[in-house]
Amino acid sequence: EQHDETITPFARQLGWRPPAAEACLI
């Protein structure tokens, strides 16, 4: 999951923002 508010409005709808860039731990 990489956050892009223009695609999925997590911040607006949930007040939460996943990181914009992360890698899988596996």
mmCIF file of all heavy atoms, coordinates in Angstrom:
data_MODEL
# 
_entry.id   MODEL 
# 
loop_
_atom_site.group_PDB 
_atom_site.id 
_atom_site.type_symbol 
_atom_site.label_atom_id 
_atom_site.label_alt_id 
_atom_site.label_comp_id 
_atom_site.label_asym_id 
_atom_site.label_entity_id 
_atom_site.label_seq_id 
_atom_site.pdbx_PDB_ins_code 
_atom_site.Cartn_x 
_atom_site.Cartn_y 
_atom_site.Cartn_z 
_atom_site.occupancy 
_atom_site.B_iso_or_equiv 
_atom_site.pdbx_formal_charge 
_atom_site.auth_seq_id 
_atom_site.auth_comp_id 
_atom_site.auth_asym_id 
_atom_site.auth_atom_id 
_atom_site.pdbx_PDB_model_num 
ATOM 1   N N   . GLU A 1 1  ? 0.848   -1.187  0.000  1.00 0.00 ? 1  GLU A N   1 
ATOM 2   C CA  . GLU A 1 1  ? 0.000   0.000   0.000  1.00 0.00 ? 1  GLU A CA  1 
ATOM 3   C C   . GLU A 1 1  ? 0.885   1.240   0.000  1.00 0.00 ? 1  GLU A C   1 
ATOM 4   O O   . GLU A 1 1  ? 1.728   1.402   0.879  1.00 0.00 ? 1  GLU A O   1 
ATOM 5   C CB  . GLU A 1 1  ? -0.898  0.004   1.238  1.00 0.00 ? 1  GLU A CB  1 
ATOM 6   C CG  . GLU A 1 1  ? -1.726  1.259   1.390  1.00 0.00 ? 1  GLU A CG  1 
ATOM 7   C CD  . GLU A 1 1  ? -2.731  1.457   0.260  1.00 0.00 ? 1  GLU A CD  1 
ATOM 8   O OE1 . GLU A 1 1  ? -3.396  0.482   -0.118 1.00 0.00 ? 1  GLU A OE1 1 
ATOM 9   O OE2 . GLU A 1 1  ? -2.835  2.591   -0.226 1.00 0.00 ? 1  GLU A OE2 1 
ATOM 10  N N   . GLN A 1 2  ? 0.709   2.079   -1.004 1.00 0.00 ? 2  GLN A N   1 
ATOM 11  C CA  . GLN A 1 2  ? 1.420   3.358   -1.057 1.00 0.00 ? 2  GLN A CA  1 
ATOM 12  C C   . GLN A 1 2  ? 0.379   4.453   -1.228 1.00 0.00 ? 2  GLN A C   1 
ATOM 13  O O   . GLN A 1 2  ? -0.449  4.388   -2.133 1.00 0.00 ? 2  GLN A O   1 
ATOM 14  C CB  . GLN A 1 2  ? 2.451   3.367   -2.172 1.00 0.00 ? 2  GLN A CB  1 
ATOM 15  C CG  . GLN A 1 2  ? 3.575   2.392   -1.872 1.00 0.00 ? 2  GLN A CG  1 
ATOM 16  C CD  . GLN A 1 2  ? 4.735   2.487   -2.834 1.00 0.00 ? 2  GLN A CD  1 
ATOM 17  O OE1 . GLN A 1 2  ? 4.709   3.215   -3.804 1.00 0.00 ? 2  GLN A OE1 1 
ATOM 18  N NE2 . GLN A 1 2  ? 5.773   1.736   -2.542 1.00 0.00 ? 2  GLN A NE2 1 
ATOM 19  N N   . HIS A 1 3  ? 0.431   5.436   -0.373 1.00 0.00 ? 3  HIS A N   1 
ATOM 20  C CA  . HIS A 1 3  ? -0.622  6.441   -0.339 1.00 0.00 ? 3  HIS A CA  1 
ATOM 21  C C   . HIS A 1 3  ? -0.554  7.439   -1.485 1.00 0.00 ? 3  HIS A C   1 
ATOM 22  O O   . HIS A 1 3  ? 0.501   7.986   -1.794 1.00 0.00 ? 3  HIS A O   1 
ATOM 23  C CB  . HIS A 1 3  ? -0.568  7.200   0.982  1.00 0.00 ? 3  HIS A CB  1 
ATOM 24  C CG  . HIS A 1 3  ? -1.679  8.192   1.124  1.00 0.00 ? 3  HIS A CG  1 
ATOM 25  N ND1 . HIS A 1 3  ? -3.001  7.820   1.083  1.00 0.00 ? 3  HIS A ND1 1 
ATOM 26  C CD2 . HIS A 1 3  ? -1.668  9.529   1.271  1.00 0.00 ? 3  HIS A CD2 1 
ATOM 27  C CE1 . HIS A 1 3  ? -3.750  8.903   1.221  1.00 0.00 ? 3  HIS A CE1 1 
ATOM 28  N NE2 . HIS A 1 3  ? -2.971  9.949   1.326  1.00 0.00 ? 3  HIS A NE2 1 
ATOM 29  N N   . ASP A 1 4  ? -1.706  7.640   -2.108 1.00 0.00 ? 4  ASP A N   1 
ATOM 30  C CA  . ASP A 1 4  ? -1.884  8.706   -3.090 1.00 0.00 ? 4  ASP A CA  1 
ATOM 31  C C   . ASP A 1 4  ? -3.304  9.230   -2.860 1.00 0.00 ? 4  ASP A C   1 
ATOM 32  O O   . ASP A 1 4  ? -4.281  8.597   -3.261 1.00 0.00 ? 4  ASP A O   1 
ATOM 33  C CB  . ASP A 1 4  ? -1.720  8.184   -4.516 1.00 0.00 ? 4  ASP A CB  1 
ATOM 34  C CG  . ASP A 1 4  ? -1.835  9.290   -5.564 1.00 0.00 ? 4  ASP A CG  1 
ATOM 35  O OD1 . ASP A 1 4  ? -2.472  10.334  -5.282 1.00 0.00 ? 4  ASP A OD1 1 
ATOM 36  O OD2 . ASP A 1 4  ? -1.293  9.099   -6.661 1.00 0.00 ? 4  ASP A OD2 1 
ATOM 37  N N   . GLU A 1 5  ? -3.393  10.339  -2.188 1.00 0.00 ? 5  GLU A N   1 
ATOM 38  C CA  . GLU A 1 5  ? -4.694  10.894  -1.792 1.00 0.00 ? 5  GLU A CA  1 
ATOM 39  C C   . GLU A 1 5  ? -5.600  11.169  -2.996 1.00 0.00 ? 5  GLU A C   1 
ATOM 40  O O   . GLU A 1 5  ? -6.816  11.120  -2.884 1.00 0.00 ? 5  GLU A O   1 
ATOM 41  C CB  . GLU A 1 5  ? -4.490  12.176  -0.974 1.00 0.00 ? 5  GLU A CB  1 
ATOM 42  C CG  . GLU A 1 5  ? -5.741  12.738  -0.330 1.00 0.00 ? 5  GLU A CG  1 
ATOM 43  C CD  . GLU A 1 5  ? -6.291  11.909  0.834  1.00 0.00 ? 5  GLU A CD  1 
ATOM 44  O OE1 . GLU A 1 5  ? -5.572  11.007  1.334  1.00 0.00 ? 5  GLU A OE1 1 
ATOM 45  O OE2 . GLU A 1 5  ? -7.426  12.162  1.250  1.00 0.00 ? 5  GLU A OE2 1 
ATOM 46  N N   . THR A 1 6  ? -4.993  11.404  -4.175 1.00 0.00 ? 6  THR A N   1 
ATOM 47  C CA  . THR A 1 6  ? -5.807  11.666  -5.366 1.00 0.00 ? 6  THR A CA  1 
ATOM 48  C C   . THR A 1 6  ? -6.479  10.397  -5.883 1.00 0.00 ? 6  THR A C   1 
ATOM 49  O O   . THR A 1 6  ? -7.459  10.466  -6.617 1.00 0.00 ? 6  THR A O   1 
ATOM 50  C CB  . THR A 1 6  ? -4.974  12.286  -6.515 1.00 0.00 ? 6  THR A CB  1 
ATOM 51  O OG1 . THR A 1 6  ? -3.999  11.333  -6.956 1.00 0.00 ? 6  THR A OG1 1 
ATOM 52  C CG2 . THR A 1 6  ? -4.293  13.567  -6.069 1.00 0.00 ? 6  THR A CG2 1 
ATOM 53  N N   . ILE A 1 7  ? -5.960  9.226   -5.507 1.00 0.00 ? 7  ILE A N   1 
ATOM 54  C CA  . ILE A 1 7  ? -6.550  7.958   -5.938 1.00 0.00 ? 7  ILE A CA  1 
ATOM 55  C C   . ILE A 1 7  ? -7.462  7.402   -4.850 1.00 0.00 ? 7  ILE A C   1 
ATOM 56  O O   . ILE A 1 7  ? -8.597  7.002   -5.122 1.00 0.00 ? 7  ILE A O   1 
ATOM 57  C CB  . ILE A 1 7  ? -5.448  6.929   -6.297 1.00 0.00 ? 7  ILE A CB  1 
ATOM 58  C CG1 . ILE A 1 7  ? -4.604  7.464   -7.466 1.00 0.00 ? 7  ILE A CG1 1 
ATOM 59  C CG2 . ILE A 1 7  ? -6.065  5.578   -6.647 1.00 0.00 ? 7  ILE A CG2 1 
ATOM 60  C CD1 . ILE A 1 7  ? -3.394  6.626   -7.788 1.00 0.00 ? 7  ILE A CD1 1 
ATOM 61  N N   . THR A 1 8  ? -6.961  7.342   -3.626 1.00 0.00 ? 8  THR A N   1 
ATOM 62  C CA  . THR A 1 8  ? -7.745  6.845   -2.492 1.00 0.00 ? 8  THR A CA  1 
ATOM 63  C C   . THR A 1 8  ? -7.659  7.871   -1.372 1.00 0.00 ? 8  THR A C   1 
ATOM 64  O O   . THR A 1 8  ? -6.589  8.059   -0.793 1.00 0.00 ? 8  THR A O   1 
ATOM 65  C CB  . THR A 1 8  ? -7.208  5.482   -2.002 1.00 0.00 ? 8  THR A CB  1 
ATOM 66  O OG1 . THR A 1 8  ? -7.196  4.579   -3.113 1.00 0.00 ? 8  THR A OG1 1 
ATOM 67  C CG2 . THR A 1 8  ? -8.091  4.912   -0.911 1.00 0.00 ? 8  THR A CG2 1 
ATOM 68  N N   . PRO A 1 9  ? -8.775  8.553   -1.062 1.00 0.00 ? 9  PRO A N   1 
ATOM 69  C CA  . PRO A 1 9  ? -8.758  9.651   -0.084 1.00 0.00 ? 9  PRO A CA  1 
ATOM 70  C C   . PRO A 1 9  ? -8.775  9.181   1.377  1.00 0.00 ? 9  PRO A C   1 
ATOM 71  O O   . PRO A 1 9  ? -9.688  9.492   2.134  1.00 0.00 ? 9  PRO A O   1 
ATOM 72  C CB  . PRO A 1 9  ? -10.025 10.442  -0.447 1.00 0.00 ? 9  PRO A CB  1 
ATOM 73  C CG  . PRO A 1 9  ? -10.944 9.423   -1.022 1.00 0.00 ? 9  PRO A CG  1 
ATOM 74  C CD  . PRO A 1 9  ? -10.070 8.426   -1.728 1.00 0.00 ? 9  PRO A CD  1 
ATOM 75  N N   . PHE A 1 10 ? -7.735  8.443   1.768  1.00 0.00 ? 10 PHE A N   1 
ATOM 76  C CA  . PHE A 1 10 ? -7.657  7.955   3.148  1.00 0.00 ? 10 PHE A CA  1 
ATOM 77  C C   . PHE A 1 10 ? -7.661  9.104   4.150  1.00 0.00 ? 10 PHE A C   1 
ATOM 78  O O   . PHE A 1 10 ? -8.343  9.054   5.165  1.00 0.00 ? 10 PHE A O   1 
ATOM 79  C CB  . PHE A 1 10 ? -6.394  7.116   3.373  1.00 0.00 ? 10 PHE A CB  1 
ATOM 80  C CG  . PHE A 1 10 ? -6.473  5.707   2.888  1.00 0.00 ? 10 PHE A CG  1 
ATOM 81  C CD1 . PHE A 1 10 ? -5.535  5.208   2.001  1.00 0.00 ? 10 PHE A CD1 1 
ATOM 82  C CD2 . PHE A 1 10 ? -7.469  4.859   3.343  1.00 0.00 ? 10 PHE A CD2 1 
ATOM 83  C CE1 . PHE A 1 10 ? -5.588  3.899   1.564  1.00 0.00 ? 10 PHE A CE1 1 
ATOM 84  C CE2 . PHE A 1 10 ? -7.520  3.544   2.915  1.00 0.00 ? 10 PHE A CE2 1 
ATOM 85  C CZ  . PHE A 1 10 ? -6.579  3.063   2.019  1.00 0.00 ? 10 PHE A CZ  1 
ATOM 86  N N   . ALA A 1 11 ? -6.876  10.126  3.892  1.00 0.00 ? 11 ALA A N   1 
ATOM 87  C CA  . ALA A 1 11 ? -6.775  11.235  4.847  1.00 0.00 ? 11 ALA A CA  1 
ATOM 88  C C   . ALA A 1 11 ? -8.130  11.929  5.015  1.00 0.00 ? 11 ALA A C   1 
ATOM 89  O O   . ALA A 1 11 ? -8.570  12.191  6.136  1.00 0.00 ? 11 ALA A O   1 
ATOM 90  C CB  . ALA A 1 11 ? -5.707  12.231  4.410  1.00 0.00 ? 11 ALA A CB  1 
ATOM 91  N N   . ARG A 1 12 ? -8.793  12.189  3.902  1.00 0.00 ? 12 ARG A N   1 
ATOM 92  C CA  . ARG A 1 12 ? -10.081 12.882  3.964  1.00 0.00 ? 12 ARG A CA  1 
ATOM 93  C C   . ARG A 1 12 ? -11.154 12.012  4.629  1.00 0.00 ? 12 ARG A C   1 
ATOM 94  O O   . ARG A 1 12 ? -11.932 12.492  5.439  1.00 0.00 ? 12 ARG A O   1 
ATOM 95  C CB  . ARG A 1 12 ? -10.543 13.279  2.557  1.00 0.00 ? 12 ARG A CB  1 
ATOM 96  C CG  . ARG A 1 12 ? -11.887 14.035  2.567  1.00 0.00 ? 12 ARG A CG  1 
ATOM 97  C CD  . ARG A 1 12 ? -12.317 14.500  1.193  1.00 0.00 ? 12 ARG A CD  1 
ATOM 98  N NE  . ARG A 1 12 ? -12.530 13.448  0.216  1.00 0.00 ? 12 ARG A NE  1 
ATOM 99  C CZ  . ARG A 1 12 ? -13.633 12.679  0.171  1.00 0.00 ? 12 ARG A CZ  1 
ATOM 100 N NH1 . ARG A 1 12 ? -14.588 12.804  1.053  1.00 0.00 ? 12 ARG A NH1 1 
ATOM 101 N NH2 . ARG A 1 12 ? -13.746 11.762  -0.776 1.00 0.00 ? 12 ARG A NH2 1 
ATOM 102 N N   . GLN A 1 13 ? -11.181 10.733  4.292  1.00 0.00 ? 13 GLN A N   1 
ATOM 103 C CA  . GLN A 1 13 ? -12.254 9.869   4.784  1.00 0.00 ? 13 GLN A CA  1 
ATOM 104 C C   . GLN A 1 13 ? -11.970 9.236   6.140  1.00 0.00 ? 13 GLN A C   1 
ATOM 105 O O   . GLN A 1 13 ? -12.890 8.999   6.916  1.00 0.00 ? 13 GLN A O   1 
ATOM 106 C CB  . GLN A 1 13 ? -12.560 8.761   3.759  1.00 0.00 ? 13 GLN A CB  1 
ATOM 107 C CG  . GLN A 1 13 ? -13.091 9.312   2.450  1.00 0.00 ? 13 GLN A CG  1 
ATOM 108 C CD  . GLN A 1 13 ? -13.606 8.223   1.545  1.00 0.00 ? 13 GLN A CD  1 
ATOM 109 O OE1 . GLN A 1 13 ? -14.777 7.902   1.576  1.00 0.00 ? 13 GLN A OE1 1 
ATOM 110 N NE2 . GLN A 1 13 ? -12.714 7.642   0.752  1.00 0.00 ? 13 GLN A NE2 1 
ATOM 111 N N   . LEU A 1 14 ? -10.699 8.926   6.411  1.00 0.00 ? 14 LEU A N   1 
ATOM 112 C CA  . LEU A 1 14 ? -10.362 8.196   7.643  1.00 0.00 ? 14 LEU A CA  1 
ATOM 113 C C   . LEU A 1 14 ? -9.447  8.975   8.578  1.00 0.00 ? 14 LEU A C   1 
ATOM 114 O O   . LEU A 1 14 ? -9.166  8.518   9.683  1.00 0.00 ? 14 LEU A O   1 
ATOM 115 C CB  . LEU A 1 14 ? -9.688  6.857   7.296  1.00 0.00 ? 14 LEU A CB  1 
ATOM 116 C CG  . LEU A 1 14 ? -10.489 5.902   6.408  1.00 0.00 ? 14 LEU A CG  1 
ATOM 117 C CD1 . LEU A 1 14 ? -9.652  4.670   6.097  1.00 0.00 ? 14 LEU A CD1 1 
ATOM 118 C CD2 . LEU A 1 14 ? -11.793 5.493   7.084  1.00 0.00 ? 14 LEU A CD2 1 
ATOM 119 N N   . GLY A 1 15 ? -8.936  10.116  8.124  1.00 0.00 ? 15 GLY A N   1 
ATOM 120 C CA  . GLY A 1 15 ? -7.989  10.865  8.944  1.00 0.00 ? 15 GLY A CA  1 
ATOM 121 C C   . GLY A 1 15 ? -6.677  10.120  9.123  1.00 0.00 ? 15 GLY A C   1 
ATOM 122 O O   . GLY A 1 15 ? -5.951  10.312  10.098 1.00 0.00 ? 15 GLY A O   1 
ATOM 123 N N   . TRP A 1 16 ? -6.359  9.244   8.181  1.00 0.00 ? 16 TRP A N   1 
ATOM 124 C CA  . TRP A 1 16 ? -5.165  8.390   8.269  1.00 0.00 ? 16 TRP A CA  1 
ATOM 125 C C   . TRP A 1 16 ? -4.456  8.422   6.931  1.00 0.00 ? 16 TRP A C   1 
ATOM 126 O O   . TRP A 1 16 ? -5.104  8.500   5.880  1.00 0.00 ? 16 TRP A O   1 
ATOM 127 C CB  . TRP A 1 16 ? -5.596  6.965   8.619  1.00 0.00 ? 16 TRP A CB  1 
ATOM 128 C CG  . TRP A 1 16 ? -4.495  5.959   8.592  1.00 0.00 ? 16 TRP A CG  1 
ATOM 129 C CD1 . TRP A 1 16 ? -3.515  5.799   9.530  1.00 0.00 ? 16 TRP A CD1 1 
ATOM 130 C CD2 . TRP A 1 16 ? -4.262  4.968   7.595  1.00 0.00 ? 16 TRP A CD2 1 
ATOM 131 N NE1 . TRP A 1 16 ? -2.691  4.768   9.164  1.00 0.00 ? 16 TRP A NE1 1 
ATOM 132 C CE2 . TRP A 1 16 ? -3.133  4.239   7.979  1.00 0.00 ? 16 TRP A CE2 1 
ATOM 133 C CE3 . TRP A 1 16 ? -4.904  4.630   6.405  1.00 0.00 ? 16 TRP A CE3 1 
ATOM 134 C CZ2 . TRP A 1 16 ? -2.618  3.197   7.233  1.00 0.00 ? 16 TRP A CZ2 1 
ATOM 135 C CZ3 . TRP A 1 16 ? -4.394  3.590   5.661  1.00 0.00 ? 16 TRP A CZ3 1 
ATOM 136 C CH2 . TRP A 1 16 ? -3.264  2.878   6.075  1.00 0.00 ? 16 TRP A CH2 1 
ATOM 137 N N   . ARG A 1 17 ? -3.145  8.371   6.980  1.00 0.00 ? 17 ARG A N   1 
ATOM 138 C CA  . ARG A 1 17 ? -2.365  8.476   5.756  1.00 0.00 ? 17 ARG A CA  1 
ATOM 139 C C   . ARG A 1 17 ? -1.256  7.434   5.790  1.00 0.00 ? 17 ARG A C   1 
ATOM 140 O O   . ARG A 1 17 ? -0.291  7.583   6.534  1.00 0.00 ? 17 ARG A O   1 
ATOM 141 C CB  . ARG A 1 17 ? -1.787  9.886   5.705  1.00 0.00 ? 17 ARG A CB  1 
ATOM 142 C CG  . ARG A 1 17 ? -1.120  10.288  4.437  1.00 0.00 ? 17 ARG A CG  1 
ATOM 143 C CD  . ARG A 1 17 ? -0.563  11.700  4.566  1.00 0.00 ? 17 ARG A CD  1 
ATOM 144 N NE  . ARG A 1 17 ? -1.572  12.657  4.989  1.00 0.00 ? 17 ARG A NE  1 
ATOM 145 C CZ  . ARG A 1 17 ? -2.261  13.449  4.174  1.00 0.00 ? 17 ARG A CZ  1 
ATOM 146 N NH1 . ARG A 1 17 ? -2.045  13.396  2.891  1.00 0.00 ? 17 ARG A NH1 1 
ATOM 147 N NH2 . ARG A 1 17 ? -3.145  14.311  4.658  1.00 0.00 ? 17 ARG A NH2 1 
ATOM 148 N N   . PRO A 1 18 ? -1.401  6.372   4.988  1.00 0.00 ? 18 PRO A N   1 
ATOM 149 C CA  . PRO A 1 18 ? -0.290  5.408   4.928  1.00 0.00 ? 18 PRO A CA  1 
ATOM 150 C C   . PRO A 1 18 ? 0.915   6.056   4.246  1.00 0.00 ? 18 PRO A C   1 
ATOM 151 O O   . PRO A 1 18 ? 0.764   7.093   3.587  1.00 0.00 ? 18 PRO A O   1 
ATOM 152 C CB  . PRO A 1 18 ? -0.841  4.259   4.088  1.00 0.00 ? 18 PRO A CB  1 
ATOM 153 C CG  . PRO A 1 18 ? -2.014  4.800   3.365  1.00 0.00 ? 18 PRO A CG  1 
ATOM 154 C CD  . PRO A 1 18 ? -2.516  5.983   4.122  1.00 0.00 ? 18 PRO A CD  1 
ATOM 155 N N   . PRO A 1 19 ? 2.099   5.497   4.405  1.00 0.00 ? 19 PRO A N   1 
ATOM 156 C CA  . PRO A 1 19 ? 3.291   6.080   3.780  1.00 0.00 ? 19 PRO A CA  1 
ATOM 157 C C   . PRO A 1 19 ? 3.165   6.126   2.255  1.00 0.00 ? 19 PRO A C   1 
ATOM 158 O O   . PRO A 1 19 ? 2.506   5.284   1.651  1.00 0.00 ? 19 PRO A O   1 
ATOM 159 C CB  . PRO A 1 19 ? 4.411   5.129   4.190  1.00 0.00 ? 19 PRO A CB  1 
ATOM 160 C CG  . PRO A 1 19 ? 3.903   4.442   5.412  1.00 0.00 ? 19 PRO A CG  1 
ATOM 161 C CD  . PRO A 1 19 ? 2.415   4.334   5.219  1.00 0.00 ? 19 PRO A CD  1 
ATOM 162 N N   . ALA A 1 20 ? 3.825   7.107   1.658  1.00 0.00 ? 20 ALA A N   1 
ATOM 163 C CA  . ALA A 1 20 ? 3.802   7.244   0.201  1.00 0.00 ? 20 ALA A CA  1 
ATOM 164 C C   . ALA A 1 20 ? 4.752   6.247   -0.464 1.00 0.00 ? 20 ALA A C   1 
ATOM 165 O O   . ALA A 1 20 ? 4.592   5.932   -1.630 1.00 0.00 ? 20 ALA A O   1 
ATOM 166 C CB  . ALA A 1 20 ? 4.164   8.660   -0.196 1.00 0.00 ? 20 ALA A CB  1 
ATOM 167 N N   . ALA A 1 21 ? 5.732   5.766   0.278  1.00 0.00 ? 21 ALA A N   1 
ATOM 168 C CA  . ALA A 1 21 ? 6.691   4.821   -0.299 1.00 0.00 ? 21 ALA A CA  1 
ATOM 169 C C   . ALA A 1 21 ? 7.175   3.853   0.776  1.00 0.00 ? 21 ALA A C   1 
ATOM 170 O O   . ALA A 1 21 ? 7.839   4.254   1.720  1.00 0.00 ? 21 ALA A O   1 
ATOM 171 C CB  . ALA A 1 21 ? 7.867   5.559   -0.899 1.00 0.00 ? 21 ALA A CB  1 
ATOM 172 N N   . GLU A 1 22 ? 6.804   2.611   0.625  1.00 0.00 ? 22 GLU A N   1 
ATOM 173 C CA  . GLU A 1 22 ? 7.286   1.543   1.513  1.00 0.00 ? 22 GLU A CA  1 
ATOM 174 C C   . GLU A 1 22 ? 7.517   0.297   0.682  1.00 0.00 ? 22 GLU A C   1 
ATOM 175 O O   . GLU A 1 22 ? 7.002   0.186   -0.430 1.00 0.00 ? 22 GLU A O   1 
ATOM 176 C CB  . GLU A 1 22 ? 6.248   1.218   2.607  1.00 0.00 ? 22 GLU A CB  1 
ATOM 177 C CG  . GLU A 1 22 ? 6.437   2.031   3.836  1.00 0.00 ? 22 GLU A CG  1 
ATOM 178 C CD  . GLU A 1 22 ? 5.708   1.464   5.050  1.00 0.00 ? 22 GLU A CD  1 
ATOM 179 O OE1 . GLU A 1 22 ? 4.691   0.766   4.916  1.00 0.00 ? 22 GLU A OE1 1 
ATOM 180 O OE2 . GLU A 1 22 ? 6.182   1.742   6.144  1.00 0.00 ? 22 GLU A OE2 1 
ATOM 181 N N   . ALA A 1 23 ? 8.254   -0.633  1.245  1.00 0.00 ? 23 ALA A N   1 
ATOM 182 C CA  . ALA A 1 23 ? 8.499   -1.908  0.586  1.00 0.00 ? 23 ALA A CA  1 
ATOM 183 C C   . ALA A 1 23 ? 7.948   -3.032  1.454  1.00 0.00 ? 23 ALA A C   1 
ATOM 184 O O   . ALA A 1 23 ? 7.800   -2.878  2.663  1.00 0.00 ? 23 ALA A O   1 
ATOM 185 C CB  . ALA A 1 23 ? 9.994   -2.107  0.367  1.00 0.00 ? 23 ALA A CB  1 
ATOM 186 N N   . CYS A 1 24 ? 7.675   -4.154  0.817  1.00 0.00 ? 24 CYS A N   1 
ATOM 187 C CA  . CYS A 1 24 ? 7.212   -5.334  1.542  1.00 0.00 ? 24 CYS A CA  1 
ATOM 188 C C   . CYS A 1 24 ? 8.331   -5.853  2.447  1.00 0.00 ? 24 CYS A C   1 
ATOM 189 O O   . CYS A 1 24 ? 9.513   -5.791  2.095  1.00 0.00 ? 24 CYS A O   1 
ATOM 190 C CB  . CYS A 1 24 ? 6.804   -6.411  0.531  1.00 0.00 ? 24 CYS A CB  1 
ATOM 191 S SG  . CYS A 1 24 ? 6.105   -7.891  1.288  1.00 0.00 ? 24 CYS A SG  1 
ATOM 192 N N   . LEU A 1 25 ? 7.951   -6.364  3.610  1.00 0.00 ? 25 LEU A N   1 
ATOM 193 C CA  . LEU A 1 25 ? 8.915   -6.953  4.546  1.00 0.00 ? 25 LEU A CA  1 
ATOM 194 C C   . LEU A 1 25 ? 9.325   -8.367  4.128  1.00 0.00 ? 25 LEU A C   1 
ATOM 195 O O   . LEU A 1 25 ? 10.224  -8.957  4.724  1.00 0.00 ? 25 LEU A O   1 
ATOM 196 C CB  . LEU A 1 25 ? 8.313   -6.992  5.955  1.00 0.00 ? 25 LEU A CB  1 
ATOM 197 C CG  . LEU A 1 25 ? 8.061   -5.637  6.605  1.00 0.00 ? 25 LEU A CG  1 
ATOM 198 C CD1 . LEU A 1 25 ? 7.240   -5.802  7.878  1.00 0.00 ? 25 LEU A CD1 1 
ATOM 199 C CD2 . LEU A 1 25 ? 9.378   -4.927  6.891  1.00 0.00 ? 25 LEU A CD2 1 
ATOM 200 N N   . ILE A 1 26 ? 8.657   -8.915  3.118  1.00 0.00 ? 26 ILE A N   1 
ATOM 201 C CA  . ILE A 1 26 ? 8.912   -10.275 2.633  1.00 0.00 ? 26 ILE A CA  1 
ATOM 202 C C   . ILE A 1 26 ? 9.557   -10.177 1.256  1.00 0.00 ? 26 ILE A C   1 
ATOM 203 O O   . ILE A 1 26 ? 9.108   -9.413  0.409  1.00 0.00 ? 26 ILE A O   1 
ATOM 204 C CB  . ILE A 1 26 ? 7.581   -11.066 2.483  1.00 0.00 ? 26 ILE A CB  1 
ATOM 205 C CG1 . ILE A 1 26 ? 6.716   -10.984 3.728  1.00 0.00 ? 26 ILE A CG1 1 
ATOM 206 C CG2 . ILE A 1 26 ? 7.852   -12.502 2.057  1.00 0.00 ? 26 ILE A CG2 1 
ATOM 207 C CD1 . ILE A 1 26 ? 7.241   -11.680 4.940  1.00 0.00 ? 26 ILE A CD1 1 
# 
